[in-house]
């Protein structure tokens, strides 16, 4: 998704930043798993993860633009305003 909604001249920087952010968040999830399991319990932790996933779905459905069937130029024009 990041390459579709970013301008061509900034695409490489945006991809680098998004890859870094995804790696950082993945590391944090793995690092915090044991301590969160101690606080929330196993079932509570998986309910927490499912809640975050549900919020991600809501964000994807209502906030992210639909780009299916659009050309790259159409997407760039829509993102520009």
PDB file of N, CA and C in Angstrom:
ATOM      1  N   UNK A   1       0.797  -1.192   0.000  1.00  0.00           N
ATOM      2  CA  UNK A   1       0.000   0.000   0.000  1.00  0.00           C
ATOM      3  C   UNK A   1       0.850   1.271   0.000  1.00  0.00           C
ATOM      4  N   UNK A   2       1.927   1.397   0.767  1.00  0.00           N
ATOM      5  CA  UNK A   2       2.684   2.652   0.737  1.00  0.00           C
ATOM      6  C   UNK A   2       3.152   3.087  -0.646  1.00  0.00           C
ATOM      7  N   UNK A   3       3.596   2.176  -1.530  1.00  0.00           N
ATOM      8  CA  UNK A   3       4.013   2.676  -2.834  1.00  0.00           C
ATOM      9  C   UNK A   3       2.865   3.216  -3.678  1.00  0.00           C
ATOM     10  N   UNK A   4       1.666   2.715  -3.472  1.00  0.00           N
ATOM     11  CA  UNK A   4       0.540   3.177  -4.286  1.00  0.00           C
ATOM     12  C   UNK A   4       0.116   4.594  -3.932  1.00  0.00           C
ATOM     13  N   UNK A   5       0.191   4.957  -2.660  1.00  0.00           N
ATOM     14  CA  UNK A   5      -0.346   6.260  -2.261  1.00  0.00           C
ATOM     15  C   UNK A   5       0.733   7.310  -2.053  1.00  0.00           C
ATOM     16  N   UNK A   6       1.963   7.015  -2.424  1.00  0.00           N
ATOM     17  CA  UNK A   6       3.038   7.995  -2.261  1.00  0.00           C
ATOM     18  C   UNK A   6       3.489   8.508  -3.619  1.00  0.00           C
ATOM     19  N   UNK A   7       3.917   9.772  -3.668  1.00  0.00           N
ATOM     20  CA  UNK A   7       4.424  10.330  -4.928  1.00  0.00           C
ATOM     21  C   UNK A   7       5.681   9.588  -5.381  1.00  0.00           C
ATOM     22  N   UNK A   8       5.883   9.541  -6.686  1.00  0.00           N
ATOM     23  CA  UNK A   8       7.013   8.808  -7.246  1.00  0.00           C
ATOM     24  C   UNK A   8       8.358   9.304  -6.728  1.00  0.00           C
ATOM     25  N   UNK A   9       8.507  10.619  -6.563  1.00  0.00           N
ATOM     26  CA  UNK A   9       9.815  11.152  -6.163  1.00  0.00           C
ATOM     27  C   UNK A   9      10.151  10.844  -4.707  1.00  0.00           C
ATOM     28  N   UNK A  10       9.156  10.502  -3.880  1.00  0.00           N
ATOM     29  CA  UNK A  10       9.405  10.181  -2.472  1.00  0.00           C
ATOM     30  C   UNK A  10       9.231   8.696  -2.165  1.00  0.00           C
ATOM     31  N   UNK A  11       8.958   7.890  -3.176  1.00  0.00           N
ATOM     32  CA  UNK A  11       8.609   6.497  -2.964  1.00  0.00           C
ATOM     33  C   UNK A  11       9.711   5.703  -2.256  1.00  0.00           C
ATOM     34  N   UNK A  12      10.962   5.893  -2.634  1.00  0.00           N
ATOM     35  CA  UNK A  12      12.038   5.108  -2.019  1.00  0.00           C
ATOM     36  C   UNK A  12      12.208   5.468  -0.548  1.00  0.00           C
ATOM     37  N   UNK A  13      12.086   6.740  -0.206  1.00  0.00           N
ATOM     38  CA  UNK A  13      12.212   7.160   1.195  1.00  0.00           C
ATOM     39  C   UNK A  13      11.037   6.623   2.011  1.00  0.00           C
ATOM     40  N   UNK A  14       9.847   6.715   1.474  1.00  0.00           N
ATOM     41  CA  UNK A  14       8.655   6.231   2.178  1.00  0.00           C
ATOM     42  C   UNK A  14       8.728   4.726   2.386  1.00  0.00           C
ATOM     43  N   UNK A  15       9.198   3.989   1.396  1.00  0.00           N
ATOM     44  CA  UNK A  15       9.335   2.544   1.549  1.00  0.00           C
ATOM     45  C   UNK A  15      10.381   2.195   2.596  1.00  0.00           C
ATOM     46  N   UNK A  16      11.479   2.955   2.634  1.00  0.00           N
ATOM     47  CA  UNK A  16      12.506   2.693   3.642  1.00  0.00           C
ATOM     48  C   UNK A  16      11.974   2.960   5.044  1.00  0.00           C
ATOM     49  N   UNK A  17      11.258   4.054   5.217  1.00  0.00           N
ATOM     50  CA  UNK A  17      10.705   4.397   6.534  1.00  0.00           C
ATOM     51  C   UNK A  17       9.632   3.397   6.947  1.00  0.00           C
ATOM     52  N   UNK A  18       8.767   2.997   6.006  1.00  0.00           N
ATOM     53  CA  UNK A  18       7.713   2.044   6.364  1.00  0.00           C
ATOM     54  C   UNK A  18       8.294   0.666   6.681  1.00  0.00           C
ATOM     55  N   UNK A  19       9.338   0.256   5.978  1.00  0.00           N
ATOM     56  CA  UNK A  19       9.982  -1.020   6.288  1.00  0.00           C
ATOM     57  C   UNK A  19      10.636  -0.972   7.662  1.00  0.00           C
ATOM     58  N   UNK A  20      11.284   0.137   7.974  1.00  0.00           N
ATOM     59  CA  UNK A  20      11.891   0.306   9.295  1.00  0.00           C
ATOM     60  C   UNK A  20      10.824   0.276  10.393  1.00  0.00           C
ATOM     61  N   UNK A  21       9.711   0.966  10.168  1.00  0.00           N
ATOM     62  CA  UNK A  21       8.637   0.998  11.162  1.00  0.00           C
ATOM     63  C   UNK A  21       8.025  -0.390  11.363  1.00  0.00           C
ATOM     64  N   UNK A  22       7.798  -1.121  10.278  1.00  0.00           N
ATOM     65  CA  UNK A  22       7.226  -2.470  10.419  1.00  0.00           C
ATOM     66  C   UNK A  22       8.180  -3.400  11.155  1.00  0.00           C
ATOM     67  N   UNK A  23       9.476  -3.271  10.882  1.00  0.00           N
ATOM     68  CA  UNK A  23      10.454  -4.100  11.589  1.00  0.00           C
ATOM     69  C   UNK A  23      10.505  -3.742  13.071  1.00  0.00           C
ATOM     70  N   UNK A  24      10.452  -2.456  13.376  1.00  0.00           N
ATOM     71  CA  UNK A  24      10.475  -1.999  14.767  1.00  0.00           C
ATOM     72  C   UNK A  24       9.245  -2.489  15.523  1.00  0.00           C
ATOM     73  N   UNK A  25       8.066  -2.361  14.927  1.00  0.00           N
ATOM     74  CA  UNK A  25       6.853  -2.808  15.597  1.00  0.00           C
ATOM     75  C   UNK A  25       6.820  -4.327  15.748  1.00  0.00           C
ATOM     76  N   UNK A  26       7.330  -5.042  14.758  1.00  0.00           N
ATOM     77  CA  UNK A  26       7.434  -6.495  14.886  1.00  0.00           C
ATOM     78  C   UNK A  26       8.346  -6.884  16.032  1.00  0.00           C
ATOM     79  N   UNK A  27       9.472  -6.182  16.167  1.00  0.00           N
ATOM     80  CA  UNK A  27      10.392  -6.434  17.272  1.00  0.00           C
ATOM     81  C   UNK A  27       9.720  -6.152  18.608  1.00  0.00           C
ATOM     82  N   UNK A  28       8.979  -5.047  18.698  1.00  0.00           N
ATOM     83  CA  UNK A  28       8.305  -4.699  19.946  1.00  0.00           C
ATOM     84  C   UNK A  28       7.253  -5.731  20.341  1.00  0.00           C
ATOM     85  N   UNK A  29       6.521  -6.254  19.359  1.00  0.00           N
ATOM     86  CA  UNK A  29       5.515  -7.277  19.655  1.00  0.00           C
ATOM     87  C   UNK A  29       6.183  -8.519  20.232  1.00  0.00           C
ATOM     88  N   UNK A  30       7.282  -8.945  19.607  1.00  0.00           N
ATOM     89  CA  UNK A  30       7.988 -10.131  20.091  1.00  0.00           C
ATOM     90  C   UNK A  30       8.602  -9.878  21.461  1.00  0.00           C
ATOM     91  N   UNK A  31       9.188  -8.704  21.650  1.00  0.00           N
ATOM     92  CA  UNK A  31       9.868  -8.387  22.907  1.00  0.00           C
ATOM     93  C   UNK A  31       8.887  -8.242  24.074  1.00  0.00           C
ATOM     94  N   UNK A  32       7.702  -7.718  23.818  1.00  0.00           N
ATOM     95  CA  UNK A  32       6.737  -7.455  24.884  1.00  0.00           C
ATOM     96  C   UNK A  32       5.771  -8.614  25.125  1.00  0.00           C
ATOM     97  N   UNK A  33       5.871  -9.683  24.346  1.00  0.00           N
ATOM     98  CA  UNK A  33       4.915 -10.780  24.443  1.00  0.00           C
ATOM     99  C   UNK A  33       4.863 -11.376  25.853  1.00  0.00           C
ATOM    100  N   UNK A  34       6.006 -11.725  26.416  1.00  0.00           N
ATOM    101  CA  UNK A  34       6.022 -12.374  27.736  1.00  0.00           C
ATOM    102  C   UNK A  34       5.481 -11.464  28.832  1.00  0.00           C
ATOM    103  N   UNK A  35       5.885 -10.192  28.823  1.00  0.00           N
ATOM    104  CA  UNK A  35       5.402  -9.297  29.869  1.00  0.00           C
ATOM    105  C   UNK A  35       3.907  -9.012  29.719  1.00  0.00           C
ATOM    106  N   UNK A  36       3.424  -8.896  28.488  1.00  0.00           N
ATOM    107  CA  UNK A  36       1.986  -8.685  28.281  1.00  0.00           C
ATOM    108  C   UNK A  36       1.192  -9.934  28.657  1.00  0.00           C
ATOM    109  N   UNK A  37       1.757 -11.107  28.404  1.00  0.00           N
ATOM    110  CA  UNK A  37       1.076 -12.338  28.790  1.00  0.00           C
ATOM    111  C   UNK A  37       0.993 -12.438  30.306  1.00  0.00           C
ATOM    112  N   UNK A  38       2.025 -11.972  31.019  1.00  0.00           N
ATOM    113  CA  UNK A  38       1.994 -11.979  32.472  1.00  0.00           C
ATOM    114  C   UNK A  38       0.929 -11.058  33.034  1.00  0.00           C
ATOM    115  N   UNK A  39       0.700  -9.920  32.362  1.00  0.00           N
ATOM    116  CA  UNK A  39      -0.290  -8.950  32.836  1.00  0.00           C
ATOM    117  C   UNK A  39      -1.705  -9.342  32.413  1.00  0.00           C
ATOM    118  N   UNK A  40      -1.879  -9.702  31.141  1.00  0.00           N
ATOM    119  CA  UNK A  40      -3.219  -9.951  30.607  1.00  0.00           C
ATOM    120  C   UNK A  40      -3.635 -11.412  30.649  1.00  0.00           C
ATOM    121  N   UNK A  41      -2.682 -12.311  30.790  1.00  0.00           N
ATOM    122  CA  UNK A  41      -2.986 -13.732  30.666  1.00  0.00           C
ATOM    123  C   UNK A  41      -3.010 -14.109  29.196  1.00  0.00           C
ATOM    124  N   UNK A  42      -2.970 -15.394  28.926  1.00  0.00           N
ATOM    125  CA  UNK A  42      -2.910 -15.843  27.533  1.00  0.00           C
ATOM    126  C   UNK A  42      -4.160 -15.450  26.757  1.00  0.00           C
ATOM    127  N   UNK A  43      -5.332 -15.699  27.340  1.00  0.00           N
ATOM    128  CA  UNK A  43      -6.564 -15.352  26.632  1.00  0.00           C
ATOM    129  C   UNK A  43      -6.710 -13.838  26.469  1.00  0.00           C
ATOM    130  N   UNK A  44      -6.352 -13.093  27.492  1.00  0.00           N
ATOM    131  CA  UNK A  44      -6.427 -11.639  27.406  1.00  0.00           C
ATOM    132  C   UNK A  44      -5.501 -11.076  26.350  1.00  0.00           C
ATOM    133  N   UNK A  45      -4.331 -11.681  26.221  1.00  0.00           N
ATOM    134  CA  UNK A  45      -3.373 -11.220  25.217  1.00  0.00           C
ATOM    135  C   UNK A  45      -3.909 -11.447  23.813  1.00  0.00           C
ATOM    136  N   UNK A  46      -4.488 -12.613  23.573  1.00  0.00           N
ATOM    137  CA  UNK A  46      -5.034 -12.869  22.247  1.00  0.00           C
ATOM    138  C   UNK A  46      -6.287 -12.040  21.981  1.00  0.00           C
ATOM    139  N   UNK A  47      -7.070 -11.716  22.995  1.00  0.00           N
ATOM    140  CA  UNK A  47      -8.187 -10.792  22.808  1.00  0.00           C
ATOM    141  C   UNK A  47      -7.668  -9.397  22.476  1.00  0.00           C
ATOM    142  N   UNK A  48      -6.571  -9.011  23.113  1.00  0.00           N
ATOM    143  CA  UNK A  48      -5.949  -7.725  22.795  1.00  0.00           C
ATOM    144  C   UNK A  48      -5.492  -7.698  21.343  1.00  0.00           C
ATOM    145  N   UNK A  49      -4.790  -8.756  20.907  1.00  0.00           N
ATOM    146  CA  UNK A  49      -4.337  -8.825  19.523  1.00  0.00           C
ATOM    147  C   UNK A  49      -5.516  -8.815  18.556  1.00  0.00           C
ATOM    148  N   UNK A  50      -6.579  -9.518  18.885  1.00  0.00           N
ATOM    149  CA  UNK A  50      -7.735  -9.531  17.992  1.00  0.00           C
ATOM    150  C   UNK A  50      -8.413  -8.163  17.962  1.00  0.00           C
ATOM    151  N   UNK A  51      -8.406  -7.443  19.078  1.00  0.00           N
ATOM    152  CA  UNK A  51      -8.959  -6.086  19.088  1.00  0.00           C
ATOM    153  C   UNK A  51      -8.162  -5.133  18.217  1.00  0.00           C
ATOM    154  N   UNK A  52      -6.843  -5.237  18.281  1.00  0.00           N
ATOM    155  CA  UNK A  52      -5.993  -4.401  17.427  1.00  0.00           C
ATOM    156  C   UNK A  52      -6.217  -4.751  15.960  1.00  0.00           C
ATOM    157  N   UNK A  53      -6.369  -6.029  15.666  1.00  0.00           N
ATOM    158  CA  UNK A  53      -6.635  -6.458  14.294  1.00  0.00           C
ATOM    159  C   UNK A  53      -7.981  -5.927  13.818  1.00  0.00           C
ATOM    160  N   UNK A  54      -8.988  -5.966  14.684  1.00  0.00           N
ATOM    161  CA  UNK A  54     -10.303  -5.432  14.326  1.00  0.00           C
ATOM    162  C   UNK A  54     -10.221  -3.936  14.033  1.00  0.00           C
ATOM    163  N   UNK A  55      -9.487  -3.190  14.853  1.00  0.00           N
ATOM    164  CA  UNK A  55      -9.317  -1.753  14.608  1.00  0.00           C
ATOM    165  C   UNK A  55      -8.577  -1.505  13.294  1.00  0.00           C
ATOM    166  N   UNK A  56      -7.635  -2.365  12.957  1.00  0.00           N
ATOM    167  CA  UNK A  56      -6.922  -2.239  11.687  1.00  0.00           C
ATOM    168  C   UNK A  56      -7.858  -2.452  10.509  1.00  0.00           C
ATOM    169  N   UNK A  57      -8.772  -3.393  10.652  1.00  0.00           N
ATOM    170  CA  UNK A  57      -9.748  -3.636   9.586  1.00  0.00           C
ATOM    171  C   UNK A  57     -10.663  -2.428   9.423  1.00  0.00           C
ATOM    172  N   UNK A  58     -11.130  -1.873  10.531  1.00  0.00           N
ATOM    173  CA  UNK A  58     -11.977  -0.672  10.476  1.00  0.00           C
ATOM    174  C   UNK A  58     -11.232   0.473   9.806  1.00  0.00           C
ATOM    175  N   UNK A  59      -9.965   0.659  10.172  1.00  0.00           N
ATOM    176  CA  UNK A  59      -9.140   1.696   9.550  1.00  0.00           C
ATOM    177  C   UNK A  59      -9.019   1.450   8.047  1.00  0.00           C
ATOM    178  N   UNK A  60      -8.760   0.217   7.662  1.00  0.00           N
ATOM    179  CA  UNK A  60      -8.603  -0.095   6.244  1.00  0.00           C
ATOM    180  C   UNK A  60      -9.868   0.116   5.437  1.00  0.00           C
ATOM    181  N   UNK A  61     -11.001  -0.205   6.021  1.00  0.00           N
ATOM    182  CA  UNK A  61     -12.268  -0.084   5.301  1.00  0.00           C
ATOM    183  C   UNK A  61     -12.712   1.376   5.184  1.00  0.00           C
ATOM    184  N   UNK A  62     -12.560   2.157   6.249  1.00  0.00           N
ATOM    185  CA  UNK A  62     -13.140   3.494   6.271  1.00  0.00           C
ATOM    186  C   UNK A  62     -12.166   4.638   6.007  1.00  0.00           C
ATOM    187  N   UNK A  63     -10.869   4.414   6.152  1.00  0.00           N
ATOM    188  CA  UNK A  63      -9.917   5.513   6.014  1.00  0.00           C
ATOM    189  C   UNK A  63      -9.069   5.402   4.747  1.00  0.00           C
ATOM    190  N   UNK A  64      -8.581   4.213   4.442  1.00  0.00           N
ATOM    191  CA  UNK A  64      -7.692   4.047   3.296  1.00  0.00           C
ATOM    192  C   UNK A  64      -8.460   4.175   1.988  1.00  0.00           C
ATOM    193  N   UNK A  65      -7.862   4.824   1.004  1.00  0.00           N
ATOM    194  CA  UNK A  65      -8.558   4.982  -0.277  1.00  0.00           C
ATOM    195  C   UNK A  65      -8.546   3.686  -1.081  1.00  0.00           C
ATOM    196  N   UNK A  66      -9.592   3.480  -1.858  1.00  0.00           N
ATOM    197  CA  UNK A  66      -9.669   2.310  -2.743  1.00  0.00           C
ATOM    198  C   UNK A  66      -8.928   2.633  -4.033  1.00  0.00           C
ATOM    199  N   UNK A  67      -8.007   1.771  -4.435  1.00  0.00           N
ATOM    200  CA  UNK A  67      -7.219   2.008  -5.640  1.00  0.00           C
ATOM    201  C   UNK A  67      -7.417   0.910  -6.686  1.00  0.00           C
ATOM    202  N   UNK A  68      -8.365   0.024  -6.454  1.00  0.00           N
ATOM    203  CA  UNK A  68      -8.591  -1.071  -7.387  1.00  0.00           C
ATOM    204  C   UNK A  68      -9.079  -0.518  -8.731  1.00  0.00           C
ATOM    205  N   UNK A  69      -8.414  -0.933  -9.791  1.00  0.00           N
ATOM    206  CA  UNK A  69      -8.818  -0.522 -11.136  1.00  0.00           C
ATOM    207  C   UNK A  69      -8.357   0.865 -11.522  1.00  0.00           C
ATOM    208  N   UNK A  70      -7.599   1.534 -10.679  1.00  0.00           N
ATOM    209  CA  UNK A  70      -7.117   2.879 -10.987  1.00  0.00           C
ATOM    210  C   UNK A  70      -5.697   2.805 -11.523  1.00  0.00           C
ATOM    211  N   UNK A  71      -5.377   3.677 -12.464  1.00  0.00           N
ATOM    212  CA  UNK A  71      -4.006   3.748 -12.958  1.00  0.00           C
ATOM    213  C   UNK A  71      -3.154   4.501 -11.940  1.00  0.00           C
ATOM    214  N   UNK A  72      -1.844   4.385 -12.101  1.00  0.00           N
ATOM    215  CA  UNK A  72      -0.945   5.079 -11.187  1.00  0.00           C
ATOM    216  C   UNK A  72      -1.162   6.585 -11.232  1.00  0.00           C
ATOM    217  N   UNK A  73      -1.417   7.120 -12.421  1.00  0.00           N
ATOM    218  CA  UNK A  73      -1.653   8.560 -12.556  1.00  0.00           C
ATOM    219  C   UNK A  73      -2.954   8.958 -11.858  1.00  0.00           C
ATOM    220  N   UNK A  74      -3.988   8.147 -11.965  1.00  0.00           N
ATOM    221  CA  UNK A  74      -5.251   8.439 -11.283  1.00  0.00           C
ATOM    222  C   UNK A  74      -5.066   8.449  -9.765  1.00  0.00           C
ATOM    223  N   UNK A  75      -4.283   7.488  -9.263  1.00  0.00           N
ATOM    224  CA  UNK A  75      -4.015   7.436  -7.823  1.00  0.00           C
ATOM    225  C   UNK A  75      -3.243   8.665  -7.378  1.00  0.00           C
ATOM    226  N   UNK A  76      -2.221   9.049  -8.150  1.00  0.00           N
ATOM    227  CA  UNK A  76      -1.424  10.228  -7.814  1.00  0.00           C
ATOM    228  C   UNK A  76      -2.286  11.490  -7.823  1.00  0.00           C
ATOM    229  N   UNK A  77      -3.181  11.603  -8.795  1.00  0.00           N
ATOM    230  CA  UNK A  77      -4.071  12.767  -8.859  1.00  0.00           C
ATOM    231  C   UNK A  77      -5.033  12.799  -7.675  1.00  0.00           C
ATOM    232  N   UNK A  78      -5.541  11.631  -7.272  1.00  0.00           N
ATOM    233  CA  UNK A  78      -6.464  11.565  -6.136  1.00  0.00           C
ATOM    234  C   UNK A  78      -5.744  11.919  -4.839  1.00  0.00           C
ATOM    235  N   UNK A  79      -4.498  11.500  -4.687  1.00  0.00           N
ATOM    236  CA  UNK A  79      -3.736  11.809  -3.473  1.00  0.00           C
ATOM    237  C   UNK A  79      -3.310  13.275  -3.424  1.00  0.00           C
ATOM    238  N   UNK A  80      -3.161  13.892  -4.587  1.00  0.00           N
ATOM    239  CA  UNK A  80      -2.746  15.289  -4.640  1.00  0.00           C
ATOM    240  C   UNK A  80      -3.894  16.234  -4.281  1.00  0.00           C
ATOM    241  N   UNK A  81      -5.102  15.735  -4.303  1.00  0.00           N
ATOM    242  CA  UNK A  81      -6.228  16.579  -3.922  1.00  0.00           C
ATOM    243  C   UNK A  81      -7.212  16.648  -5.020  1.00  0.00           C
TER     244      UNK A  81
END
